[in-house]
Amino acid sequence: MYRRDFIRSSISSAILLQFPIVRTSHLKKKDRIGITSVVFRNRFASTCPRNMELKDELTLNSIPEYFVDRFDIHNVELWARHFESKDPNYLRDLKAQLNKHHCKLIDIQAEGVHDLSDTDQESREKAIKETMEWIDVCSLLQSEFIRIRSMKKSYDIARESLRKINSYAKSKGIKVLIENHFDLFSDPKKHAQIYKDIDGIGLLADFGNYPKGTDRLAALLEIAPYTKLVSAKTQDFDAFGKHLSYDFGQCIDLFERSNYQGIYSIEQWGKPDPQYDYEAIVDHMIDQIVDHI
């Protein structure tokens, strides 16, 4: 590690130690943990890599029962790419499964073809339409949040598009989240600024989504006060199950010291590895979160 990187990292760690962690009672800890369907992308027909065999297939309708029975987790986050349809009948069936298993839909991770920050007006308007369609899905399923897809072009244009999106979402009772998603908002200053620029918008903090060279702890610390949902992401593991990419527990500690009281939604995204046992990864992440909150 270069000397300046060491100094910067040491400063971030020192700042964190100034704030004590307020622990959650044991009985309530799993109430603060969620799982996204992204973790099990290799088991969905729509996202299984072409060079992998689809095994133990999952669908969104099977997710509520699976998360509850296998992990004892009732907070569900769903990735747009796993929806088979936006048809109301399909969505009502999915809502019935969520209700049957006493699950709360905390967020839909919306996707689309177009960019809300595009300087091209036609493309931008298509992006707004795509996003509003996902807000309608959120409304029918009674999702608390919608995570807006990545925006990579113009901050000023993104802000104007998001004002329209946020107004529409408010009319449907849905809260808008902006994520650091290897885009404009992987700059923590812009990420914090969008919260200040648009009344009622919230931030989604992803542990992993920063370019190489970013001081991860300093970036997360800057956005922590405005964060409404945490994507508690891991990336790469060694053969013994040790997380290699960064200190996962330290990221949780940062948010606990920042008085974050929301949900940690478990996600894993790293180099594809057919040897990974994703259920074991989720078990480990649940244990880690429980130990740190």
C-alpha atoms as a PDB file:
ATOM      1  CA  MET A   1       0.000   0.000   0.000  1.00  0.00           C
ATOM      2  CA  TYR A   2       1.339   3.433  -0.912  1.00  0.00           C
ATOM      3  CA  ARG A   3       2.038   5.769   2.029  1.00  0.00           C
ATOM      4  CA  ARG A   4      -0.674   8.279   1.050  1.00  0.00           C
ATOM      5  CA  ASP A   5      -3.233   5.466   0.689  1.00  0.00           C
ATOM      6  CA  PHE A   6      -2.253   4.157   4.117  1.00  0.00           C
ATOM      7  CA  ILE A   7      -2.640   7.616   5.648  1.00  0.00           C
ATOM      8  CA  ARG A   8      -6.022   8.148   3.983  1.00  0.00           C
ATOM      9  CA  SER A   9      -7.254   4.730   5.132  1.00  0.00           C
ATOM     10  CA  SER A  10      -5.962   5.340   8.654  1.00  0.00           C
ATOM     11  CA  ILE A  11      -7.798   8.663   8.840  1.00  0.00           C
ATOM     12  CA  SER A  12     -11.057   7.001   7.736  1.00  0.00           C
ATOM     13  CA  SER A  13     -10.643   4.296  10.374  1.00  0.00           C
ATOM     14  CA  ALA A  14      -9.865   6.873  13.055  1.00  0.00           C
ATOM     15  CA  ILE A  15     -13.031   8.815  12.224  1.00  0.00           C
ATOM     16  CA  LEU A  16     -15.113   5.645  12.552  1.00  0.00           C
ATOM     17  CA  LEU A  17     -13.727   4.859  15.989  1.00  0.00           C
ATOM     18  CA  GLN A  18     -15.034   8.159  17.335  1.00  0.00           C
ATOM     19  CA  PHE A  19     -18.595   6.829  17.164  1.00  0.00           C
ATOM     20  CA  PRO A  20     -19.672   3.843  19.311  1.00  0.00           C
ATOM     21  CA  ILE A  21     -21.760   1.056  17.793  1.00  0.00           C
ATOM     22  CA  VAL A  22     -25.260   0.793  19.234  1.00  0.00           C
ATOM     23  CA  ARG A  23     -26.065  -2.932  19.103  1.00  0.00           C
ATOM     24  CA  THR A  24     -29.456  -4.259  18.045  1.00  0.00           C
ATOM     25  CA  SER A  25     -31.131  -6.781  20.352  1.00  0.00           C
ATOM     26  CA  HIS A  26     -30.598 -10.360  19.163  1.00  0.00           C
ATOM     27  CA  LEU A  27     -34.287 -11.052  18.508  1.00  0.00           C
ATOM     28  CA  LYS A  28     -34.539  -8.160  16.072  1.00  0.00           C
ATOM     29  CA  LYS A  29     -31.309  -8.702  14.152  1.00  0.00           C
ATOM     30  CA  LYS A  30     -32.789 -10.758  11.327  1.00  0.00           C
ATOM     31  CA  ASP A  31     -35.463  -8.090  10.913  1.00  0.00           C
ATOM     32  CA  ARG A  32     -32.615  -5.909   9.621  1.00  0.00           C
ATOM     33  CA  ILE A  33     -31.368  -8.422   7.056  1.00  0.00           C
ATOM     34  CA  GLY A  34     -32.659  -8.951   3.531  1.00  0.00           C
ATOM     35  CA  ILE A  35     -31.542 -10.910   0.481  1.00  0.00           C
ATOM     36  CA  THR A  36     -31.680  -9.942  -3.180  1.00  0.00           C
ATOM     37  CA  SER A  37     -32.462 -12.459  -5.898  1.00  0.00           C
ATOM     38  CA  VAL A  38     -29.225 -11.255  -7.565  1.00  0.00           C
ATOM     39  CA  VAL A  39     -27.247 -13.642  -5.335  1.00  0.00           C
ATOM     40  CA  PHE A  40     -28.872 -16.639  -7.010  1.00  0.00           C
ATOM     41  CA  ARG A  41     -28.682 -15.318 -10.585  1.00  0.00           C
ATOM     42  CA  ASN A  42     -27.110 -18.596 -11.769  1.00  0.00           C
ATOM     43  CA  ARG A  43     -30.373 -20.362 -10.875  1.00  0.00           C
ATOM     44  CA  PHE A  44     -32.643 -18.102 -12.946  1.00  0.00           C
ATOM     45  CA  ALA A  45     -33.143 -18.924 -16.620  1.00  0.00           C
ATOM     46  CA  SER A  46     -32.892 -15.238 -17.565  1.00  0.00           C
ATOM     47  CA  THR A  47     -29.502 -14.642 -15.901  1.00  0.00           C
ATOM     48  CA  CYS A  48     -27.737 -18.014 -15.809  1.00  0.00           C
ATOM     49  CA  PRO A  49     -24.440 -17.687 -17.748  1.00  0.00           C
ATOM     50  CA  ARG A  50     -24.535 -19.446 -21.097  1.00  0.00           C
ATOM     51  CA  ASN A  51     -21.515 -21.567 -20.220  1.00  0.00           C
ATOM     52  CA  MET A  52     -23.183 -22.908 -17.063  1.00  0.00           C
ATOM     53  CA  GLU A  53     -25.857 -25.568 -16.688  1.00  0.00           C
ATOM     54  CA  LEU A  54     -29.067 -24.293 -15.106  1.00  0.00           C
ATOM     55  CA  LYS A  55     -29.548 -26.311 -11.912  1.00  0.00           C
ATOM     56  CA  ASP A  56     -32.115 -26.077  -9.112  1.00  0.00           C
ATOM     57  CA  GLU A  57     -33.996 -23.421 -11.050  1.00  0.00           C
ATOM     58  CA  LEU A  58     -35.624 -20.583  -9.154  1.00  0.00           C
ATOM     59  CA  THR A  59     -38.380 -18.201 -10.187  1.00  0.00           C
ATOM     60  CA  LEU A  60     -39.549 -15.099  -8.380  1.00  0.00           C
ATOM     61  CA  ASN A  61     -42.673 -16.952  -7.270  1.00  0.00           C
ATOM     62  CA  SER A  62     -40.470 -19.462  -5.446  1.00  0.00           C
ATOM     63  CA  ILE A  63     -38.221 -16.859  -3.807  1.00  0.00           C
ATOM     64  CA  PRO A  64     -40.380 -15.950  -0.762  1.00  0.00           C
ATOM     65  CA  GLU A  65     -40.697 -19.565   0.389  1.00  0.00           C
ATOM     66  CA  TYR A  66     -37.026 -20.253  -0.360  1.00  0.00           C
ATOM     67  CA  PHE A  67     -35.698 -17.244   1.557  1.00  0.00           C
ATOM     68  CA  VAL A  68     -37.902 -17.997   4.568  1.00  0.00           C
ATOM     69  CA  ASP A  69     -37.430 -21.779   4.723  1.00  0.00           C
ATOM     70  CA  ARG A  70     -33.715 -21.859   3.908  1.00  0.00           C
ATOM     71  CA  PHE A  71     -32.445 -18.655   5.550  1.00  0.00           C
ATOM     72  CA  ASP A  72     -35.232 -17.497   7.901  1.00  0.00           C
ATOM     73  CA  ILE A  73     -35.192 -14.123   6.106  1.00  0.00           C
ATOM     74  CA  HIS A  74     -38.442 -12.283   5.343  1.00  0.00           C
ATOM     75  CA  ASN A  75     -37.065  -9.103   3.712  1.00  0.00           C
ATOM     76  CA  VAL A  76     -36.964  -9.659  -0.041  1.00  0.00           C
ATOM     77  CA  GLU A  77     -35.263  -7.622  -2.756  1.00  0.00           C
ATOM     78  CA  LEU A  78     -35.958  -8.504  -6.394  1.00  0.00           C
ATOM     79  CA  TRP A  79     -33.916  -7.823  -9.515  1.00  0.00           C
ATOM     80  CA  ALA A  80     -35.855  -6.586 -12.543  1.00  0.00           C
ATOM     81  CA  ARG A  81     -34.131  -9.107 -14.800  1.00  0.00           C
ATOM     82  CA  HIS A  82     -35.810 -11.932 -12.888  1.00  0.00           C
ATOM     83  CA  PHE A  83     -39.360 -10.793 -13.628  1.00  0.00           C
ATOM     84  CA  GLU A  84     -40.982 -13.005 -16.237  1.00  0.00           C
ATOM     85  CA  SER A  85     -43.642 -10.406 -16.963  1.00  0.00           C
ATOM     86  CA  LYS A  86     -45.199  -7.129 -15.851  1.00  0.00           C
ATOM     87  CA  ASP A  87     -48.657  -8.553 -16.472  1.00  0.00           C
ATOM     88  CA  PRO A  88     -50.997  -7.811 -13.534  1.00  0.00           C
ATOM     89  CA  ASN A  89     -51.979 -11.465 -13.151  1.00  0.00           C
ATOM     90  CA  TYR A  90     -48.326 -12.525 -12.851  1.00  0.00           C
ATOM     91  CA  LEU A  91     -47.680  -9.742 -10.344  1.00  0.00           C
ATOM     92  CA  ARG A  92     -50.747 -10.665  -8.286  1.00  0.00           C
ATOM     93  CA  ASP A  93     -49.504 -14.258  -8.064  1.00  0.00           C
ATOM     94  CA  LEU A  94     -46.111 -12.987  -6.901  1.00  0.00           C
ATOM     95  CA  LYS A  95     -47.759 -10.719  -4.333  1.00  0.00           C
ATOM     96  CA  ALA A  96     -49.767 -13.695  -3.070  1.00  0.00           C
ATOM     97  CA  GLN A  97     -46.536 -15.642  -2.489  1.00  0.00           C
ATOM     98  CA  LEU A  98     -44.991 -12.725  -0.612  1.00  0.00           C
ATOM     99  CA  ASN A  99     -48.075 -12.506   1.590  1.00  0.00           C
ATOM    100  CA  LYS A 100     -48.329 -16.261   2.120  1.00  0.00           C
ATOM    101  CA  HIS A 101     -44.796 -16.424   3.512  1.00  0.00           C
ATOM    102  CA  HIS A 102     -45.075 -13.164   5.474  1.00  0.00           C
ATOM    103  CA  CYS A 103     -42.412 -11.447   3.392  1.00  0.00           C
ATOM    104  CA  LYS A 104     -41.836  -7.748   2.916  1.00  0.00           C
ATOM    105  CA  LEU A 105     -40.725  -6.565  -0.515  1.00  0.00           C
ATOM    106  CA  ILE A 106     -38.136  -3.963   0.399  1.00  0.00           C
ATOM    107  CA  ASP A 107     -36.906  -3.005  -3.070  1.00  0.00           C
ATOM    108  CA  ILE A 108     -37.026  -3.685  -6.789  1.00  0.00           C
ATOM    109  CA  GLN A 109     -33.707  -3.177  -8.559  1.00  0.00           C
ATOM    110  CA  ALA A 110     -35.030  -1.600 -11.748  1.00  0.00           C
ATOM    111  CA  GLU A 111     -33.312  -1.960 -15.110  1.00  0.00           C
ATOM    112  CA  GLY A 112     -33.826  -0.604 -18.592  1.00  0.00           C
ATOM    113  CA  VAL A 113     -32.244  -0.043 -21.973  1.00  0.00           C
ATOM    114  CA  HIS A 114     -31.985   3.743 -21.765  1.00  0.00           C
ATOM    115  CA  ASP A 115     -30.175   6.206 -19.477  1.00  0.00           C
ATOM    116  CA  LEU A 116     -31.996   8.869 -17.445  1.00  0.00           C
ATOM    117  CA  SER A 117     -28.922  11.091 -17.734  1.00  0.00           C
ATOM    118  CA  ASP A 118     -28.677  10.871 -21.530  1.00  0.00           C
ATOM    119  CA  THR A 119     -28.178  14.159 -23.375  1.00  0.00           C
ATOM    120  CA  ASP A 120     -30.345  12.775 -26.175  1.00  0.00           C
ATOM    121  CA  GLN A 121     -33.915  13.779 -25.346  1.00  0.00           C
ATOM    122  CA  GLU A 122     -35.615  10.862 -27.112  1.00  0.00           C
ATOM    123  CA  SER A 123     -33.471   8.310 -25.306  1.00  0.00           C
ATOM    124  CA  ARG A 124     -33.976  10.111 -22.013  1.00  0.00           C
ATOM    125  CA  GLU A 125     -37.765  10.147 -22.386  1.00  0.00           C
ATOM    126  CA  LYS A 126     -37.689   6.408 -23.081  1.00  0.00           C
ATOM    127  CA  ALA A 127     -35.674   5.941 -19.891  1.00  0.00           C
ATOM    128  CA  ILE A 128     -38.264   7.905 -17.921  1.00  0.00           C
ATOM    129  CA  LYS A 129     -41.053   5.753 -19.389  1.00  0.00           C
ATOM    130  CA  GLU A 130     -39.180   2.533 -18.560  1.00  0.00           C
ATOM    131  CA  THR A 131     -38.632   3.658 -14.990  1.00  0.00           C
ATOM    132  CA  MET A 132     -42.241   4.704 -14.492  1.00  0.00           C
ATOM    133  CA  GLU A 133     -43.337   1.250 -15.628  1.00  0.00           C
ATOM    134  CA  TRP A 134     -41.194  -0.264 -12.872  1.00  0.00           C
ATOM    135  CA  ILE A 135     -42.711   2.165 -10.373  1.00  0.00           C
ATOM    136  CA  ASP A 136     -46.117   0.789 -11.376  1.00  0.00           C
ATOM    137  CA  VAL A 137     -44.817  -2.720 -10.662  1.00  0.00           C
ATOM    138  CA  CYS A 138     -43.528  -1.556  -7.277  1.00  0.00           C
ATOM    139  CA  SER A 139     -46.913  -0.063  -6.508  1.00  0.00           C
ATOM    140  CA  LEU A 140     -48.833  -3.242  -7.304  1.00  0.00           C
ATOM    141  CA  LEU A 141     -46.410  -5.353  -5.250  1.00  0.00           C
ATOM    142  CA  GLN A 142     -46.258  -2.754  -2.460  1.00  0.00           C
ATOM    143  CA  SER A 143     -42.476  -2.484  -2.589  1.00  0.00           C
ATOM    144  CA  GLU A 144     -41.092   0.100  -0.193  1.00  0.00           C
ATOM    145  CA  PHE A 145     -38.328   1.243  -2.565  1.00  0.00           C
ATOM    146  CA  ILE A 146     -37.316   1.312  -6.207  1.00  0.00           C
ATOM    147  CA  ARG A 147     -33.608   1.344  -7.023  1.00  0.00           C
ATOM    148  CA  ILE A 148     -33.036   3.416 -10.162  1.00  0.00           C
ATOM    149  CA  ARG A 149     -30.724   1.943 -12.795  1.00  0.00           C
ATOM    150  CA  SER A 150     -27.231   3.344 -13.435  1.00  0.00           C
ATOM    151  CA  MET A 151     -26.773   6.820 -14.950  1.00  0.00           C
ATOM    152  CA  LYS A 152     -23.484   7.524 -16.693  1.00  0.00           C
ATOM    153  CA  LYS A 153     -23.683  10.756 -18.682  1.00  0.00           C
ATOM    154  CA  SER A 154     -24.805  14.123 -17.266  1.00  0.00           C
ATOM    155  CA  TYR A 155     -25.428  14.904 -13.602  1.00  0.00           C
ATOM    156  CA  ASP A 156     -27.586  17.933 -14.405  1.00  0.00           C
ATOM    157  CA  ILE A 157     -29.783  15.940 -16.778  1.00  0.00           C
ATOM    158  CA  ALA A 158     -29.963  13.020 -14.339  1.00  0.00           C
ATOM    159  CA  ARG A 159     -31.181  15.426 -11.666  1.00  0.00           C
ATOM    160  CA  GLU A 160     -33.972  16.771 -13.885  1.00  0.00           C
ATOM    161  CA  SER A 161     -35.074  13.273 -14.918  1.00  0.00           C
ATOM    162  CA  LEU A 162     -35.018  12.111 -11.313  1.00  0.00           C
ATOM    163  CA  ARG A 163     -37.236  15.001 -10.251  1.00  0.00           C
ATOM    164  CA  LYS A 164     -39.891  13.733 -12.667  1.00  0.00           C
ATOM    165  CA  ILE A 165     -39.380  10.141 -11.540  1.00  0.00           C
ATOM    166  CA  ASN A 166     -39.524  11.094  -7.879  1.00  0.00           C
ATOM    167  CA  SER A 167     -42.739  13.055  -8.343  1.00  0.00           C
ATOM    168  CA  TYR A 168     -44.382  10.072 -10.060  1.00  0.00           C
ATOM    169  CA  ALA A 169     -43.088   7.644  -7.430  1.00  0.00           C
ATOM    170  CA  LYS A 170     -44.462   9.824  -4.620  1.00  0.00           C
ATOM    171  CA  SER A 171     -47.896   9.714  -6.240  1.00  0.00           C
ATOM    172  CA  LYS A 172     -47.711   5.904  -6.039  1.00  0.00           C
ATOM    173  CA  GLY A 173     -46.350   5.760  -2.490  1.00  0.00           C
ATOM    174  CA  ILE A 174     -42.915   4.493  -3.579  1.00  0.00           C
ATOM    175  CA  LYS A 175     -39.573   5.840  -2.343  1.00  0.00           C
ATOM    176  CA  VAL A 176     -36.794   6.352  -4.905  1.00  0.00           C
ATOM    177  CA  LEU A 177     -33.250   5.161  -4.193  1.00  0.00           C
ATOM    178  CA  ILE A 178     -30.095   6.196  -6.043  1.00  0.00           C
ATOM    179  CA  GLU A 179     -27.218   3.708  -5.899  1.00  0.00           C
ATOM    180  CA  ASN A 180     -23.493   4.041  -6.427  1.00  0.00           C
ATOM    181  CA  HIS A 181     -23.545   1.763  -9.460  1.00  0.00           C
ATOM    182  CA  PHE A 182     -20.252   2.300 -11.310  1.00  0.00           C
ATOM    183  CA  ASP A 183     -21.789   5.455 -12.718  1.00  0.00           C
ATOM    184  CA  LEU A 184     -22.088   9.170 -11.891  1.00  0.00           C
ATOM    185  CA  PHE A 185     -23.003   8.278  -8.331  1.00  0.00           C
ATOM    186  CA  SER A 186     -19.932   6.207  -7.587  1.00  0.00           C
ATOM    187  CA  ASP A 187     -18.506   9.659  -6.891  1.00  0.00           C
ATOM    188  CA  PRO A 188     -19.589  10.052  -3.240  1.00  0.00           C
ATOM    189  CA  LYS A 189     -19.849  13.836  -3.535  1.00  0.00           C
ATOM    190  CA  LYS A 190     -22.342  13.556  -6.404  1.00  0.00           C
ATOM    191  CA  HIS A 191     -24.106  10.740  -4.587  1.00  0.00           C
ATOM    192  CA  ALA A 192     -24.586  12.905  -1.498  1.00  0.00           C
ATOM    193  CA  GLN A 193     -25.496  15.936  -3.607  1.00  0.00           C
ATOM    194  CA  ILE A 194     -28.402  14.242  -5.389  1.00  0.00           C
ATOM    195  CA  TYR A 195     -29.968  13.586  -1.984  1.00  0.00           C
ATOM    196  CA  LYS A 196     -29.676  17.290  -1.184  1.00  0.00           C
ATOM    197  CA  ASP A 197     -30.950  18.387  -4.602  1.00  0.00           C
ATOM    198  CA  ILE A 198     -34.182  16.349  -4.663  1.00  0.00           C
ATOM    199  CA  ASP A 199     -36.580  16.403  -1.742  1.00  0.00           C
ATOM    200  CA  GLY A 200     -37.638  12.955  -0.569  1.00  0.00           C
ATOM    201  CA  ILE A 201     -35.085  10.920  -2.502  1.00  0.00           C
ATOM    202  CA  GLY A 202     -32.864   8.410  -0.687  1.00  0.00           C
ATOM    203  CA  LEU A 203     -29.521   6.740  -1.260  1.00  0.00           C
ATOM    204  CA  LEU A 204     -28.718   3.062  -1.599  1.00  0.00           C
ATOM    205  CA  ALA A 205     -25.167   2.357  -0.454  1.00  0.00           C
ATOM    206  CA  ASP A 206     -23.428  -0.582  -2.127  1.00  0.00           C
ATOM    207  CA  PHE A 207     -20.236  -1.747  -0.403  1.00  0.00           C
ATOM    208  CA  GLY A 208     -18.671  -2.930  -3.646  1.00  0.00           C
ATOM    209  CA  ASN A 209     -19.541  -0.437  -6.368  1.00  0.00           C
ATOM    210  CA  TYR A 210     -16.533   1.870  -6.369  1.00  0.00           C
ATOM    211  CA  PRO A 211     -13.767   2.221  -8.957  1.00  0.00           C
ATOM    212  CA  LYS A 212     -10.338   0.888  -8.093  1.00  0.00           C
ATOM    213  CA  GLY A 213      -8.402   3.393  -6.022  1.00  0.00           C
ATOM    214  CA  THR A 214     -11.440   4.814  -4.213  1.00  0.00           C
ATOM    215  CA  ASP A 215     -11.130   5.064  -0.434  1.00  0.00           C
ATOM    216  CA  ARG A 216     -14.099   2.805   0.229  1.00  0.00           C
ATOM    217  CA  LEU A 217     -14.582   3.702   3.886  1.00  0.00           C
ATOM    218  CA  ALA A 218     -14.331   7.441   3.279  1.00  0.00           C
ATOM    219  CA  ALA A 219     -16.836   7.198   0.411  1.00  0.00           C
ATOM    220  CA  LEU A 220     -19.320   5.148   2.442  1.00  0.00           C
ATOM    221  CA  LEU A 221     -18.910   7.470   5.413  1.00  0.00           C
ATOM    222  CA  GLU A 222     -19.813  10.456   3.237  1.00  0.00           C
ATOM    223  CA  ILE A 223     -23.106   8.923   2.068  1.00  0.00           C
ATOM    224  CA  ALA A 224     -24.066   7.085   5.266  1.00  0.00           C
ATOM    225  CA  PRO A 225     -26.215   9.929   6.705  1.00  0.00           C
ATOM    226  CA  TYR A 226     -28.461   9.839   3.616  1.00  0.00           C
ATOM    227  CA  THR A 227     -28.637   6.055   3.151  1.00  0.00           C
ATOM    228  CA  LYS A 228     -32.049   4.369   3.334  1.00  0.00           C
ATOM    229  CA  LEU A 229     -30.974   0.867   2.229  1.00  0.00           C
ATOM    230  CA  VAL A 230     -27.600  -0.885   2.255  1.00  0.00           C
ATOM    231  CA  SER A 231     -26.580  -3.385  -0.395  1.00  0.00           C
ATOM    232  CA  ALA A 232     -24.318  -5.486   1.826  1.00  0.00           C
ATOM    233  CA  LYS A 233     -22.257  -6.861  -1.012  1.00  0.00           C
ATOM    234  CA  THR A 234     -19.394  -9.314  -1.070  1.00  0.00           C
ATOM    235  CA  GLN A 235     -17.316 -10.058  -4.147  1.00  0.00           C
ATOM    236  CA  ASP A 236     -14.536 -12.652  -4.368  1.00  0.00           C
ATOM    237  CA  PHE A 237     -13.722 -15.506  -1.979  1.00  0.00           C
ATOM    238  CA  ASP A 238     -10.789 -17.886  -1.633  1.00  0.00           C
ATOM    239  CA  ALA A 239     -11.076 -21.681  -1.534  1.00  0.00           C
ATOM    240  CA  PHE A 240     -11.610 -21.543   2.238  1.00  0.00           C
ATOM    241  CA  GLY A 241     -14.544 -19.116   2.066  1.00  0.00           C
ATOM    242  CA  LYS A 242     -12.605 -16.029   3.127  1.00  0.00           C
ATOM    243  CA  HIS A 243     -13.775 -12.787   1.522  1.00  0.00           C
ATOM    244  CA  LEU A 244     -10.837 -11.227  -0.317  1.00  0.00           C
ATOM    245  CA  SER A 245     -12.097  -7.964  -1.768  1.00  0.00           C
ATOM    246  CA  TYR A 246     -12.434  -5.782   1.361  1.00  0.00           C
ATOM    247  CA  ASP A 247     -13.331  -5.956   5.042  1.00  0.00           C
ATOM    248  CA  PHE A 248     -17.062  -6.693   4.972  1.00  0.00           C
ATOM    249  CA  GLY A 249     -17.510  -6.391   8.732  1.00  0.00           C
ATOM    250  CA  GLN A 250     -15.787  -3.024   8.816  1.00  0.00           C
ATOM    251  CA  CYS A 251     -18.277  -1.687   6.263  1.00  0.00           C
ATOM    252  CA  ILE A 252     -21.162  -2.769   8.505  1.00  0.00           C
ATOM    253  CA  ASP A 253     -19.478  -1.206  11.536  1.00  0.00           C
ATOM    254  CA  LEU A 254     -19.233   2.073   9.635  1.00  0.00           C
ATOM    255  CA  PHE A 255     -22.987   2.225   9.104  1.00  0.00           C
ATOM    256  CA  GLU A 256     -23.765   1.147  12.658  1.00  0.00           C
ATOM    257  CA  ARG A 257     -21.532   3.915  14.002  1.00  0.00           C
ATOM    258  CA  SER A 258     -23.305   6.328  11.661  1.00  0.00           C
ATOM    259  CA  ASN A 259     -26.612   5.407  13.366  1.00  0.00           C
ATOM    260  CA  TYR A 260     -27.974   3.616  10.300  1.00  0.00           C
ATOM    261  CA  GLN A 261     -31.064   1.706  11.408  1.00  0.00           C
ATOM    262  CA  GLY A 262     -32.236   0.225   8.121  1.00  0.00           C
ATOM    263  CA  ILE A 263     -31.879  -3.108   6.353  1.00  0.00           C
ATOM    264  CA  TYR A 264     -28.707  -4.757   5.078  1.00  0.00           C
ATOM    265  CA  SER A 265     -29.706  -6.550   1.870  1.00  0.00           C
ATOM    266  CA  ILE A 266     -27.297  -9.376   1.093  1.00  0.00           C
ATOM    267  CA  GLU A 267     -25.760  -9.422  -2.376  1.00  0.00           C
ATOM    268  CA  GLN A 268     -22.753 -11.114  -3.958  1.00  0.00           C
ATOM    269  CA  TRP A 269     -21.226 -10.105  -7.266  1.00  0.00           C
ATOM    270  CA  GLY A 270     -17.720 -11.026  -8.282  1.00  0.00           C
ATOM    271  CA  LYS A 271     -15.802 -13.118 -10.750  1.00  0.00           C
ATOM    272  CA  PRO A 272     -17.984 -16.061 -11.889  1.00  0.00           C
ATOM    273  CA  ASP A 273     -16.871 -19.213 -10.093  1.00  0.00           C
ATOM    274  CA  PRO A 274     -18.765 -22.494 -10.593  1.00  0.00           C
ATOM    275  CA  GLN A 275     -17.235 -23.772  -7.344  1.00  0.00           C
ATOM    276  CA  TYR A 276     -18.981 -21.171  -5.193  1.00  0.00           C
ATOM    277  CA  ASP A 277     -21.635 -22.458  -2.814  1.00  0.00           C
ATOM    278  CA  TYR A 278     -23.956 -19.455  -2.805  1.00  0.00           C
ATOM    279  CA  GLU A 279     -26.096 -20.772   0.037  1.00  0.00           C
ATOM    280  CA  ALA A 280     -22.977 -21.089   2.198  1.00  0.00           C
ATOM    281  CA  ILE A 281     -21.957 -17.558   1.180  1.00  0.00           C
ATOM    282  CA  VAL A 282     -25.342 -16.208   2.265  1.00  0.00           C
ATOM    283  CA  ASP A 283     -25.159 -18.156   5.551  1.00  0.00           C
ATOM    284  CA  HIS A 284     -21.739 -16.621   6.214  1.00  0.00           C
ATOM    285  CA  MET A 285     -22.950 -13.121   5.360  1.00  0.00           C
ATOM    286  CA  ILE A 286     -25.973 -13.459   7.649  1.00  0.00           C
ATOM    287  CA  ASP A 287     -23.656 -14.524  10.485  1.00  0.00           C
ATOM    288  CA  GLN A 288     -21.338 -11.595   9.773  1.00  0.00           C
ATOM    289  CA  ILE A 289     -24.159  -9.058   9.798  1.00  0.00           C
ATOM    290  CA  VAL A 290     -25.647 -10.515  12.999  1.00  0.00           C
ATOM    291  CA  ASP A 291     -22.215 -10.294  14.642  1.00  0.00           C
ATOM    292  CA  HIS A 292     -21.768  -6.632  13.683  1.00  0.00           C
ATOM    293  CA  ILE A 293     -25.172  -5.093  14.443  1.00  0.00           C
END
